[in-house]
């Protein structure tokens, strides 16, 4: 399929890129599960490697040839002057290209847990920057999957993907139901639920990691609010990270990295 040069930002074929919000993309018509935006050739490559399908690509300059090489002849690649594309999208394409991607169907929690040893659960982490940072950290250290609660920010939101450097497209993830059903699913799959929280009966991360069970689900909550009572009640162990200099807690992304690293050493 040839590269299509764009001269009119109101061209209806560019609707995926014209200031659409993440929510609007998720509900895009004529799609099975909605869309998300992949920014940069690196993220597009990771998405394609994960089996995701591109609907179209918007590219500038030398990135046009790179986009064609990545998506092949069946996917439309749009191009045009930088100022026109900036007018269309609302920002300059510093990373050379962006792609409109079909959201894949989410797997079931049971399928992700079947062969996993270390999983991370995000409860109500509403900031997509934190979600993206957590994915990047736990992907590097070795999480087998990430599970998110219904009120957690969508890992496919643009900022989460950008901050994660595309690792949200590499680490399998899915959404959970309520805590009773989640606990039942995790227990059936043989997981020990370890909640990170500042509770009086919490054990130190060092102590927990030294004798950690074979399968562990780390539960992290939103900054400020922390974990809900339901999450704490569902946990088998409450774990805390010992602090110095009077500091009481870490950023949730840092907490995820420290906890995963401690478990990886065990």
Protein backbone atom coordinates (compact mmCIF):
# COMPACT_ATOMS: atom_id res chain seq x y z
CA UNK A 1 0.00 0.00 0.00
CA UNK A 2 1.56 3.35 -1.01
CA UNK A 3 2.46 6.11 1.42
CA UNK A 4 -0.34 8.70 1.44
CA UNK A 5 0.72 12.34 1.56
CA UNK A 6 -1.61 14.51 3.63
CA UNK A 7 -2.41 18.11 2.78
CA UNK A 8 -5.64 18.59 4.73
CA UNK A 9 -5.67 17.92 8.51
CA UNK A 10 -9.46 17.50 8.38
CA UNK A 11 -9.10 14.40 6.19
CA UNK A 12 -11.48 11.88 7.81
CA UNK A 13 -8.92 9.09 7.40
CA UNK A 14 -6.86 10.83 10.09
CA UNK A 15 -9.58 10.76 12.73
CA UNK A 16 -7.53 8.44 14.98
CA UNK A 17 -4.90 11.15 15.40
CA UNK A 18 -6.95 14.34 15.55
CA UNK A 19 -6.87 15.24 19.25
CA UNK A 20 -8.74 12.10 20.32
CA UNK A 21 -8.56 11.31 24.02
CA UNK A 22 -7.51 7.93 25.34
CA UNK A 23 -11.10 7.28 26.35
CA UNK A 24 -12.39 8.10 22.86
CA UNK A 25 -9.77 5.82 21.29
CA UNK A 26 -10.74 3.01 23.63
CA UNK A 27 -14.34 3.34 22.43
CA UNK A 28 -13.51 3.87 18.74
CA UNK A 29 -16.18 2.69 16.36
CA UNK A 30 -15.51 -0.03 13.80
CA UNK A 31 -13.05 -1.74 16.15
CA UNK A 32 -13.47 -4.86 18.21
CA UNK A 33 -11.72 -3.70 21.37
CA UNK A 34 -10.81 -0.07 20.64
CA UNK A 35 -7.51 1.58 19.77
CA UNK A 36 -4.40 2.93 21.44
CA UNK A 37 -1.56 5.15 20.21
CA UNK A 38 2.03 3.93 19.94
CA UNK A 39 4.63 6.70 19.80
CA UNK A 40 8.07 6.08 18.23
CA UNK A 41 9.47 3.29 16.11
CA UNK A 42 10.69 1.48 19.23
CA UNK A 43 7.23 1.28 20.76
CA UNK A 44 5.65 0.33 17.43
CA UNK A 45 8.20 -2.45 17.01
CA UNK A 46 7.48 -3.77 20.50
CA UNK A 47 3.74 -3.67 19.84
CA UNK A 48 4.11 -5.61 16.60
CA UNK A 49 6.42 -8.13 18.25
CA UNK A 50 3.73 -8.67 20.88
CA UNK A 51 1.28 -9.55 18.11
CA UNK A 52 -0.69 -6.29 18.07
CA UNK A 53 -2.03 -4.98 14.77
CA UNK A 54 -1.48 -1.50 13.39
CA UNK A 55 -4.44 0.27 11.77
CA UNK A 56 -2.33 3.08 10.32
CA UNK A 57 0.88 5.04 10.91
CA UNK A 58 1.55 8.78 10.79
CA UNK A 59 5.21 9.47 10.00
CA UNK A 60 7.65 12.25 9.19
CA UNK A 61 10.80 12.36 7.06
CA UNK A 62 13.11 9.37 7.34
CA UNK A 63 10.63 7.69 9.67
CA UNK A 64 8.36 7.01 6.69
CA UNK A 65 10.66 4.32 5.32
CA UNK A 66 11.13 2.90 8.80
CA UNK A 67 7.37 2.74 9.32
CA UNK A 68 6.83 0.97 5.99
CA UNK A 69 9.54 -1.54 6.87
CA UNK A 70 7.91 -2.26 10.22
CA UNK A 71 4.24 -2.59 9.26
CA UNK A 72 4.59 -3.92 5.72
CA UNK A 73 2.59 -3.11 2.61
CA UNK A 74 -0.87 -3.82 4.05
CA UNK A 75 -0.98 -0.91 6.50
CA UNK A 76 -1.53 2.70 5.45
CA UNK A 77 1.32 5.11 6.25
CA UNK A 78 0.35 8.79 6.22
CA UNK A 79 2.92 11.55 5.88
CA UNK A 80 3.04 15.31 5.41
CA UNK A 81 4.70 18.54 6.53
CA UNK A 82 5.64 18.72 10.18
CA UNK A 83 3.57 21.81 10.88
CA UNK A 84 0.48 20.21 9.34
CA UNK A 85 0.87 17.07 11.41
CA UNK A 86 1.43 19.18 14.52
CA UNK A 87 -1.81 21.01 13.75
CA UNK A 88 -3.54 17.66 13.40
CA UNK A 89 -2.24 15.93 16.52
CA UNK A 90 -1.68 18.94 18.76
CA UNK A 91 2.05 18.38 19.21
CA UNK A 92 5.23 18.03 17.19
CA UNK A 93 6.18 14.46 16.27
CA UNK A 94 9.57 14.52 17.97
CA UNK A 95 9.78 10.74 17.84
CA UNK A 96 9.24 10.60 14.09
CA UNK A 97 6.07 8.56 13.98
CA UNK A 98 2.94 7.55 15.83
CA UNK A 99 0.72 4.60 15.06
CA UNK A 100 -2.93 3.82 15.62
CA UNK A 101 -3.03 0.30 17.05
CA UNK A 102 -5.86 -2.16 17.57
CA UNK A 103 -6.25 -3.03 21.23
CA UNK A 104 -5.96 -6.78 21.74
CA UNK A 105 -8.49 -8.76 23.73
CA UNK A 106 -7.42 -8.97 27.36
CA UNK A 107 -6.55 -12.47 28.61
CA UNK A 108 -8.18 -14.02 31.66
CA UNK A 109 -6.36 -13.77 34.99
CA UNK A 110 -6.32 -17.57 35.14
CA UNK A 111 -4.41 -17.85 31.87
CA UNK A 112 -1.77 -15.34 33.02
CA UNK A 113 -1.30 -17.06 36.36
CA UNK A 114 -0.98 -20.58 35.00
CA UNK A 115 2.76 -20.45 34.34
CA UNK A 116 3.68 -17.36 36.40
CA UNK A 117 5.81 -17.18 39.56
CA UNK A 118 5.93 -13.45 40.27
CA UNK A 119 3.03 -11.13 39.49
CA UNK A 120 2.28 -7.53 40.45
CA UNK A 121 -1.20 -6.28 41.32
CA UNK A 122 -1.96 -2.56 41.03
CA UNK A 123 -4.92 -1.45 43.10
CA UNK A 124 -6.46 1.88 42.05
CA UNK A 125 -3.19 3.40 40.78
CA UNK A 126 -4.86 6.24 38.89
CA UNK A 127 -1.81 8.10 37.57
CA UNK A 128 -0.78 6.73 34.15
CA UNK A 129 2.77 7.99 34.74
CA UNK A 130 3.05 5.71 37.78
CA UNK A 131 1.49 2.82 35.90
CA UNK A 132 3.99 3.21 33.07
CA UNK A 133 6.93 3.53 35.46
CA UNK A 134 5.85 0.41 37.35
CA UNK A 135 5.60 -1.61 34.15
CA UNK A 136 9.07 -0.50 33.07
CA UNK A 137 10.61 -1.44 36.42
CA UNK A 138 8.95 -4.81 36.89
CA UNK A 139 9.48 -5.76 33.25
CA UNK A 140 13.22 -5.19 33.65
CA UNK A 141 13.39 -7.15 36.91
CA UNK A 142 11.27 -10.04 35.78
CA UNK A 143 7.54 -9.88 36.58
CA UNK A 144 5.60 -12.52 34.70
CA UNK A 145 2.37 -10.50 34.62
CA UNK A 146 0.65 -7.39 35.94
CA UNK A 147 -2.95 -7.44 37.14
CA UNK A 148 -4.89 -4.21 37.60
CA UNK A 149 -8.08 -3.49 39.50
CA UNK A 150 -11.14 -1.88 37.85
CA UNK A 151 -10.25 1.65 39.10
CA UNK A 152 -6.61 1.48 38.02
CA UNK A 153 -5.51 3.66 35.10
CA UNK A 154 -5.45 1.87 31.75
CA UNK A 155 -1.94 0.65 30.86
CA UNK A 156 -2.74 1.31 27.19
CA UNK A 157 -3.24 5.02 27.79
CA UNK A 158 -0.75 7.06 25.80
CA UNK A 159 1.22 8.42 28.74
CA UNK A 160 1.53 5.02 30.39
CA UNK A 161 2.87 3.51 27.18
CA UNK A 162 5.29 6.43 26.69
CA UNK A 163 6.66 6.34 30.25
CA UNK A 164 6.99 2.55 30.15
CA UNK A 165 8.99 2.75 26.90
CA UNK A 166 6.53 0.27 25.46
CA UNK A 167 6.98 -2.38 28.14
CA UNK A 168 3.21 -2.36 28.80
CA UNK A 169 3.09 -4.07 25.41
CA UNK A 170 5.56 -6.74 26.50
CA UNK A 171 4.47 -7.72 30.01
CA UNK A 172 1.13 -9.57 29.92
CA UNK A 173 -1.59 -7.80 31.88
CA UNK A 174 -5.31 -7.91 32.46
CA UNK A 175 -8.05 -6.53 34.71
CA UNK A 176 -9.35 -8.15 37.86
CA UNK A 177 -12.75 -8.26 39.49
CA UNK A 178 -13.49 -7.66 43.17
CA UNK A 179 -11.18 -8.80 45.95
CA UNK A 180 -13.10 -11.92 47.01
CA UNK A 181 -12.98 -13.32 43.47
CA UNK A 182 -9.38 -12.16 43.02
CA UNK A 183 -8.25 -13.85 46.21
CA UNK A 184 -10.00 -17.05 45.19
CA UNK A 185 -8.33 -17.00 41.76
CA UNK A 186 -4.87 -16.36 43.23
CA UNK A 187 -5.26 -18.98 45.95
CA UNK A 188 -6.43 -21.59 43.47
CA UNK A 189 -3.39 -20.85 41.31
CA UNK A 190 -1.12 -21.33 44.33
CA UNK A 191 -0.13 -17.70 44.90
CA UNK A 192 0.82 -16.13 48.20
CA UNK A 193 -0.56 -12.57 48.34
CA UNK A 194 1.90 -10.04 49.75
CA UNK A 195 0.56 -6.52 50.23
CA UNK A 196 3.00 -3.60 50.54
CA UNK A 197 1.68 -1.35 53.33
CA UNK A 198 2.62 0.45 56.52
CA UNK A 199 0.70 -1.70 58.99
CA UNK A 200 1.61 -2.52 62.61
CA UNK A 201 1.86 -6.27 61.86
CA UNK A 202 3.86 -5.88 58.63
CA UNK A 203 7.04 -7.92 58.20
CA UNK A 204 10.14 -6.42 56.61
CA UNK A 205 10.69 -7.01 52.92
CA UNK A 206 14.12 -8.48 53.66
CA UNK A 207 12.60 -11.05 56.02
CA UNK A 208 9.80 -11.92 53.61
CA UNK A 209 12.07 -12.24 50.58
CA UNK A 210 14.47 -14.55 52.43
CA UNK A 211 11.82 -17.27 52.66
CA UNK A 212 9.37 -16.19 49.96
CA UNK A 213 6.97 -18.82 48.64
CA UNK A 214 7.39 -20.16 45.11
CA UNK A 215 4.54 -18.03 43.79
CA UNK A 216 4.03 -14.48 45.02
CA UNK A 217 1.56 -11.76 44.04
CA UNK A 218 2.79 -8.32 45.15
CA UNK A 219 -0.03 -5.84 45.77
CA UNK A 220 0.62 -2.09 45.51
CA UNK A 221 -1.82 0.74 46.09
CA UNK A 222 -2.25 4.32 44.97
CA UNK A 223 0.03 6.98 46.38
CA UNK A 224 -1.54 8.82 49.27
CA UNK A 225 -4.50 6.51 49.71
CA UNK A 226 -2.52 3.29 49.90
CA UNK A 227 -4.25 -0.07 49.79
CA UNK A 228 -7.93 -0.46 50.62
CA UNK A 229 -9.09 -2.45 53.61
CA UNK A 230 -10.37 -5.10 51.21
CA UNK A 231 -6.92 -5.55 49.69
CA UNK A 232 -5.26 -5.78 53.10
CA UNK A 233 -7.83 -8.32 54.30
CA UNK A 234 -7.23 -10.43 51.18
CA UNK A 235 -3.46 -10.55 51.76
CA UNK A 236 -1.64 -13.52 53.28
CA UNK A 237 1.22 -11.26 54.46
CA UNK A 238 1.60 -7.51 54.90
CA UNK A 239 5.11 -6.38 53.95
CA UNK A 240 6.91 -3.09 54.50
CA UNK A 241 10.20 -1.68 53.23
CA UNK A 242 12.37 -0.47 56.14
CA UNK A 243 13.22 3.23 55.80
CA UNK A 244 15.97 5.52 57.08
CA UNK A 245 16.18 9.27 57.85
CA UNK A 246 12.58 9.42 58.99
CA UNK A 247 11.16 8.69 55.53
CA UNK A 248 7.93 6.72 55.77
CA UNK A 249 7.36 5.61 52.18
CA UNK A 250 8.58 5.53 48.59
CA UNK A 251 6.92 6.46 45.32
CA UNK A 252 4.77 3.50 44.24
CA UNK A 253 6.94 2.87 41.16
CA UNK A 254 10.07 2.81 43.31
CA UNK A 255 8.32 0.49 45.76
CA UNK A 256 7.48 -1.92 42.95
CA UNK A 257 11.09 -1.95 41.75
CA UNK A 258 12.56 -2.48 45.23
CA UNK A 259 10.10 -5.26 46.12
CA UNK A 260 10.54 -7.10 42.83
CA UNK A 261 14.31 -6.86 43.07
CA UNK A 262 14.28 -8.25 46.61
CA UNK A 263 12.21 -11.22 45.48
CA UNK A 264 14.46 -11.79 42.48
CA UNK A 265 17.42 -12.23 44.82
CA UNK A 266 15.67 -14.87 46.84
